[in-house]
Protein backbone atom coordinates (compact mmCIF):
# COMPACT_ATOMS: atom_id res chain seq x y z
CA MET A 1 -38.80 4.99 13.79
CA ALA A 2 -40.22 5.87 10.38
CA TYR A 3 -39.96 9.15 8.51
CA CYS A 4 -40.87 9.38 4.81
CA ASP A 5 -37.88 10.89 3.02
CA ARG A 6 -40.13 12.10 0.20
CA CYS A 7 -43.09 13.85 1.86
CA GLY A 8 -42.19 14.05 5.57
CA ASN A 9 -44.93 11.84 7.01
CA PHE A 10 -43.84 10.09 10.20
CA ASP A 11 -44.98 7.53 12.75
CA GLU A 12 -45.32 7.51 16.53
CA SER A 13 -41.77 6.42 17.27
CA HIS A 14 -40.35 9.30 15.19
CA ARG A 15 -42.68 11.73 16.97
CA GLU A 16 -41.43 10.49 20.33
CA SER A 17 -37.77 10.64 19.33
CA MET A 18 -38.17 14.23 18.09
CA GLU A 19 -40.19 15.08 21.21
CA TYR A 20 -43.02 16.64 19.19
CA PRO A 21 -46.12 17.13 21.33
CA LYS A 22 -49.12 15.37 19.82
CA ASP A 23 -51.05 18.62 19.64
CA SER A 24 -48.36 20.74 17.93
CA GLN A 25 -49.07 22.20 14.49
CA HIS A 26 -46.12 20.36 12.93
CA CYS A 27 -47.27 17.09 14.38
CA ILE A 28 -50.84 17.51 13.14
CA GLN A 29 -49.66 18.11 9.57
CA ASP A 30 -47.28 15.17 9.04
CA TYR A 31 -48.03 12.78 11.91
CA GLN A 32 -49.35 9.63 10.20
CA PRO A 33 -49.03 6.74 12.68
CA ASP A 34 -51.46 4.47 10.79
CA LEU A 35 -49.56 4.45 7.50
CA TYR A 36 -47.26 1.60 6.52
CA TYR A 37 -43.64 2.65 5.94
CA TYR A 38 -41.41 0.88 3.38
CA TRP A 39 -37.64 0.60 3.71
CA ASP A 40 -35.18 0.17 0.86
CA SER A 41 -31.91 0.25 2.77
CA PRO A 42 -30.00 -1.19 4.57
CA ILE A 43 -32.22 -4.27 4.43
CA GLU A 44 -32.71 -6.19 1.20
CA GLU A 45 -36.26 -6.15 -0.10
CA ASP A 46 -38.08 -7.42 -3.20
CA TYR A 47 -38.27 -3.86 -4.52
CA SER A 48 -36.06 -0.86 -5.22
CA TRP A 49 -36.90 2.77 -5.85
CA ARG A 50 -33.27 3.97 -6.05
CA ASP A 51 -33.52 5.04 -9.71
CA ALA A 52 -36.53 7.28 -8.98
CA VAL A 53 -35.67 8.48 -5.46
CA PRO A 54 -31.97 7.72 -4.93
CA HIS A 55 -31.57 9.32 -1.50
CA ALA A 56 -34.71 7.94 0.17
CA ASP A 57 -34.31 5.10 2.66
CA CYS A 58 -37.92 5.19 3.85
CA LEU A 59 -41.22 5.95 2.08
CA CYS A 60 -44.73 6.09 3.48
CA GLU A 61 -47.32 3.92 1.75
CA ILE A 62 -48.73 6.95 -0.10
CA CYS A 63 -45.43 7.86 -1.75
CA PHE A 64 -44.60 4.19 -2.36
CA ASP A 65 -47.96 3.61 -4.06
CA ILE A 66 -47.53 6.69 -6.27
CA LEU A 67 -44.07 5.53 -7.38
CA ASN A 68 -45.40 2.00 -7.97
CA ILE A 69 -48.34 3.21 -10.07
CA GLU A 70 -45.94 5.36 -12.10
CA GLY A 71 -43.76 2.28 -12.71
CA ASN A 72 -40.84 3.65 -10.69
CA ILE A 73 -40.56 0.70 -8.30
CA LYS A 74 -38.36 -2.09 -9.61
CA TRP A 75 -39.42 -5.53 -8.40
CA VAL A 76 -37.21 -8.61 -8.11
CA ASP A 77 -37.98 -10.86 -11.10
CA ASP A 78 -40.50 -8.19 -12.24
CA LYS A 79 -43.05 -9.66 -9.79
CA ASN A 80 -45.13 -6.76 -8.49
CA PRO A 81 -47.43 -8.25 -5.82
CA PHE A 82 -49.76 -5.26 -6.08
CA GLU A 83 -50.41 -5.73 -9.79
CA CYS A 84 -53.70 -7.37 -10.71
CA ALA A 85 -53.13 -10.40 -12.94
CA SER A 86 -56.45 -9.93 -14.74
CA ILE A 87 -55.42 -6.51 -16.04
CA ASN A 88 -52.41 -7.99 -17.82
CA SER A 89 -54.12 -11.14 -19.01
CA GLY A 90 -57.21 -9.40 -20.32
CA THR A 91 -59.56 -11.68 -18.36
């Protein structure tokens, strides 16, 4: 069950647990079953957003990408897998 604690997007399992009908207005607005959802707690990951969004346990890929682009995602050993090596190396 995934629900973005920043913007409110959610997946199919959250829709089912909340018993939202697929055709309801609320469901149409925030129902995003095709997005990837990132978790920061309670599992240990290679990233942390706790300094930027301390109360969020789950973020949709849109919110995660925005925080990452802004430099608000901290990566273990400063290894951001989404960062292009050629940008930093100048090649």
